[in-house]
Amino acid sequence: MIEVLVADDHAFFRASVVDVLDSAADTTVVAECRGGAEVLPAFRRHRPDVLLLDLAMPGVTGLEAAREVLAVDASARVVMLTGDASPGSVREARRIGVAGYLLKDDDPTLLAARVRAVAEGGVAWSAGVHALGEASAD
């Protein structure tokens, strides 16, 4: 079973992601965080296989939370799940070593498969975002 931590400050969206993942046969959400400040303690407590982090959260952002987690465990599998496809955000996510960058308007039926790919050591990037991050890194 793939264990997932979901962090998003919007309760409705967070609950929707949890429903999608919990309905898949091989994924379960072990922790939900309302903000980035909750991510590192929840990561330490649950040690999930994959973390899905919203980029824009009040206080500690998703990128800041990802940095904190990856500083503690460089092998952590972090995926940004956001509505922000700006080159700077994508470039920073790539620089800190996230395993994926998914957009909130992607097809939700693909989410469990993307989480599975990341848990298995792969990556998950929304169409166009992966190339955007590569082009921006130059």
Protein backbone atom coordinates (compact mmCIF):
# COMPACT_ATOMS: atom_id res chain seq x y z
CA MET A 1 0.00 0.00 0.00
CA ILE A 2 1.34 3.42 -1.01
CA GLU A 3 1.03 5.88 1.87
CA VAL A 4 0.48 9.53 0.98
CA LEU A 5 0.57 12.85 2.85
CA VAL A 6 -1.64 15.58 1.37
CA ALA A 7 -1.10 19.26 2.22
CA ASP A 8 -3.46 21.94 0.94
CA ASP A 9 -5.02 24.88 2.74
CA HIS A 10 -8.32 24.50 0.87
CA ALA A 11 -10.42 21.90 2.71
CA PHE A 12 -12.65 21.06 -0.24
CA PHE A 13 -9.74 20.44 -2.62
CA ARG A 14 -7.81 18.48 0.03
CA ALA A 15 -10.85 16.27 0.72
CA SER A 16 -11.28 15.67 -3.02
CA VAL A 17 -7.66 14.56 -3.38
CA VAL A 18 -8.04 12.27 -0.37
CA ASP A 19 -11.19 10.73 -1.89
CA VAL A 20 -9.47 10.13 -5.23
CA LEU A 21 -6.45 8.48 -3.60
CA ASP A 22 -8.40 6.46 -1.04
CA SER A 23 -10.61 5.07 -3.80
CA ALA A 24 -7.57 3.56 -5.54
CA ALA A 25 -6.80 -0.01 -4.50
CA ASP A 26 -3.12 0.62 -3.72
CA THR A 27 -3.01 4.12 -2.16
CA THR A 28 -4.09 5.48 1.20
CA VAL A 29 -3.78 8.92 2.73
CA VAL A 30 -2.05 8.67 6.12
CA ALA A 31 -1.88 12.39 6.89
CA GLU A 32 -3.65 15.60 5.89
CA CYS A 33 -2.10 19.01 6.52
CA ARG A 34 -3.89 22.36 6.31
CA GLY A 35 -0.64 24.27 5.91
CA GLY A 36 3.04 23.96 5.24
CA ALA A 37 4.01 24.28 8.91
CA GLU A 38 2.29 20.93 9.59
CA VAL A 39 4.16 19.03 6.86
CA LEU A 40 7.51 18.26 8.49
CA PRO A 41 6.04 17.03 11.79
CA ALA A 42 3.51 14.89 9.89
CA PHE A 43 6.27 13.55 7.64
CA ARG A 44 8.38 12.58 10.66
CA ARG A 45 5.40 10.90 12.34
CA HIS A 46 4.07 8.95 9.32
CA ARG A 47 7.01 8.61 6.89
CA PRO A 48 4.69 8.48 3.85
CA ASP A 49 5.87 7.14 0.52
CA VAL A 50 4.74 10.30 -1.33
CA LEU A 51 3.97 13.87 -0.26
CA LEU A 52 1.53 15.96 -2.33
CA LEU A 53 2.05 19.61 -1.45
CA ASP A 54 0.15 22.67 -2.59
CA LEU A 55 2.53 25.43 -3.58
CA ALA A 56 0.62 28.42 -2.19
CA MET A 57 -0.23 27.97 1.47
CA PRO A 58 -0.21 30.71 4.11
CA GLY A 59 2.85 30.89 6.32
CA VAL A 60 5.13 28.07 5.20
CA THR A 61 4.68 27.53 1.45
CA GLY A 62 4.74 24.14 -0.22
CA LEU A 63 8.22 24.79 -1.60
CA GLU A 64 9.48 25.73 1.87
CA ALA A 65 7.90 22.59 3.33
CA ALA A 66 9.45 20.51 0.55
CA ARG A 67 12.88 22.00 1.33
CA GLU A 68 12.44 21.13 5.02
CA VAL A 69 11.44 17.54 4.29
CA LEU A 70 14.18 17.00 1.72
CA ALA A 71 16.77 18.41 4.15
CA VAL A 72 15.73 15.75 6.68
CA ASP A 73 15.38 12.94 4.12
CA ALA A 74 16.82 13.53 0.65
CA SER A 75 15.10 10.37 -0.59
CA ALA A 76 11.61 11.69 0.24
CA ARG A 77 9.28 11.64 -2.76
CA VAL A 78 7.70 15.10 -2.97
CA VAL A 79 5.22 16.23 -5.62
CA MET A 80 3.93 19.77 -5.92
CA LEU A 81 0.17 19.83 -6.65
CA THR A 82 -0.67 23.39 -7.60
CA GLY A 83 -2.40 25.79 -9.93
CA ASP A 84 0.85 27.74 -10.44
CA ALA A 85 2.75 26.88 -13.61
CA SER A 86 5.02 29.91 -13.51
CA PRO A 87 8.56 29.23 -14.75
CA GLY A 88 10.10 30.47 -11.49
CA SER A 89 8.06 28.09 -9.36
CA VAL A 90 8.73 25.15 -11.65
CA ARG A 91 12.45 25.97 -11.76
CA GLU A 92 12.65 26.22 -7.96
CA ALA A 93 10.78 22.95 -7.50
CA ARG A 94 13.19 21.24 -9.88
CA ARG A 95 16.20 22.83 -8.13
CA ILE A 96 15.23 21.53 -4.70
CA GLY A 97 14.69 18.03 -6.08
CA VAL A 98 10.96 17.34 -6.12
CA ALA A 99 9.83 14.23 -7.98
CA GLY A 100 6.90 15.92 -9.65
CA TYR A 101 4.91 19.02 -10.41
CA LEU A 102 1.24 18.48 -11.13
CA LEU A 103 -1.36 21.08 -11.96
CA LYS A 104 -4.71 21.15 -10.20
CA ASP A 105 -6.57 21.26 -13.51
CA ASP A 106 -5.05 17.94 -14.67
CA ASP A 107 -7.33 14.93 -15.14
CA PRO A 108 -8.02 13.64 -11.59
CA THR A 109 -8.32 10.06 -12.86
CA LEU A 110 -4.56 10.14 -13.49
CA LEU A 111 -3.59 11.13 -9.94
CA ALA A 112 -3.31 7.65 -8.41
CA ALA A 113 -1.17 6.42 -11.32
CA ARG A 114 1.11 9.43 -10.99
CA VAL A 115 1.47 8.88 -7.24
CA ARG A 116 2.24 5.22 -7.94
CA ALA A 117 4.93 6.20 -10.48
CA VAL A 118 6.58 8.53 -7.95
CA ALA A 119 6.41 5.92 -5.18
CA GLU A 120 8.17 3.50 -7.51
CA GLY A 121 11.03 5.95 -8.05
CA GLY A 122 9.74 7.71 -11.16
CA VAL A 123 8.58 11.25 -11.74
CA ALA A 124 5.23 12.92 -12.41
CA TRP A 125 5.14 16.19 -14.31
CA SER A 126 2.11 17.78 -15.93
CA ALA A 127 2.28 18.12 -19.69
CA GLY A 128 4.39 21.12 -20.62
CA VAL A 129 5.52 21.83 -17.05
CA HIS A 130 8.48 19.44 -17.20
CA ALA A 131 9.86 21.13 -20.33
CA LEU A 132 9.12 24.54 -18.84
CA GLY A 133 11.27 23.74 -15.82
CA GLU A 134 14.09 22.43 -18.02
CA ALA A 135 14.03 25.48 -20.27
CA SER A 136 13.92 27.80 -17.28
CA ALA A 137 16.90 26.13 -15.64
CA ASP A 138 19.29 27.33 -18.34
